[in-house]
C-alpha atoms as a PDB file:
ATOM      1  CA  MET A   1       0.013   0.003   0.008  1.00  0.00           C
ATOM      2  CA  GLN A   2       1.337   3.391  -0.946  1.00  0.00           C
ATOM      3  CA  VAL A   3       1.684   6.212   1.609  1.00  0.00           C
ATOM      4  CA  ASP A   4      -0.987   8.267  -0.126  1.00  0.00           C
ATOM      5  CA  GLN A   5      -3.351   5.324  -0.066  1.00  0.00           C
ATOM      6  CA  ALA A   6      -2.726   4.795   3.652  1.00  0.00           C
ATOM      7  CA  LYS A   7      -3.465   8.515   4.303  1.00  0.00           C
ATOM      8  CA  ARG A   8      -6.654   8.334   2.285  1.00  0.00           C
ATOM      9  CA  LEU A   9      -7.739   5.180   4.125  1.00  0.00           C
ATOM     10  CA  LYS A  10      -7.178   6.892   7.485  1.00  0.00           C
ATOM     11  CA  GLU A  11      -9.186   9.916   6.310  1.00  0.00           C
ATOM     12  CA  LEU A  12     -12.057   7.707   5.210  1.00  0.00           C
ATOM     13  CA  GLU A  13     -11.988   5.759   8.461  1.00  0.00           C
ATOM     14  CA  GLN A  14     -12.224   8.996  10.421  1.00  0.00           C
ATOM     15  CA  GLU A  15     -15.059  10.263   8.232  1.00  0.00           C
ATOM     16  CA  ASN A  16     -16.853   6.910   8.632  1.00  0.00           C
ATOM     17  CA  ALA A  17     -16.572   7.104  12.437  1.00  0.00           C
ATOM     18  CA  LYS A  18     -17.927  10.685  12.380  1.00  0.00           C
ATOM     19  CA  LEU A  19     -20.871   9.654  10.211  1.00  0.00           C
ATOM     20  CA  LYS A  20     -21.647   6.674  12.477  1.00  0.00           C
ATOM     21  CA  ARG A  21     -21.767   9.004  15.493  1.00  0.00           C
ATOM     22  CA  LEU A  22     -24.052  11.342  13.579  1.00  0.00           C
ATOM     23  CA  VAL A  23     -26.430   8.504  12.655  1.00  0.00           C
ATOM     24  CA  ALA A  24     -26.504   7.332  16.266  1.00  0.00           C
ATOM     25  CA  GLU A  25     -27.268  10.861  17.464  1.00  0.00           C
ATOM     26  CA  LEU A  26     -30.043  11.343  14.908  1.00  0.00           C
ATOM     27  CA  SER A  27     -31.494   7.935  15.756  1.00  0.00           C
ATOM     28  CA  LEU A  28     -31.605   8.867  19.401  1.00  0.00           C
ATOM     29  CA  ASP A  29     -33.252  12.227  18.565  1.00  0.00           C
ATOM     30  CA  LYS A  30     -35.881  10.365  16.515  1.00  0.00           C
ATOM     31  CA  LEU A  31     -36.681   7.993  19.397  1.00  0.00           C
ATOM     32  CA  VAL A  32     -37.027  10.909  21.812  1.00  0.00           C
ATOM     33  CA  LEU A  33     -39.368  12.782  19.422  1.00  0.00           C
ATOM     34  CA  LYS A  34     -41.460   9.654  18.849  1.00  0.00           C
ATOM     35  CA  ASP A  35     -41.741   9.192  22.635  1.00  0.00           C
ATOM     36  CA  ILE A  36     -42.764  12.798  23.145  1.00  0.00           C
ATOM     37  CA  ALA A  37     -45.280  12.674  20.287  1.00  0.00           C
ATOM     38  CA  SER A  38     -46.892   9.488  21.624  1.00  0.00           C
ATOM     39  CA  GLU A  39     -47.368  11.098  25.043  1.00  0.00           C
ATOM     40  CA  ASN A  40     -49.168  14.050  23.567  1.00  0.00           C
ATOM     41  CA  PHE A  41     -51.750  12.059  21.602  1.00  0.00           C
END
């Protein structure tokens, strides 16, 4: 593996981790909103 490929792989892994955290956060927000909405109706 070339040095530039290793750098790119590391960048993609970091971006992937960031996106996974974002999905987890949004999923939690959705659950909270669903819970709040169900209590109101």
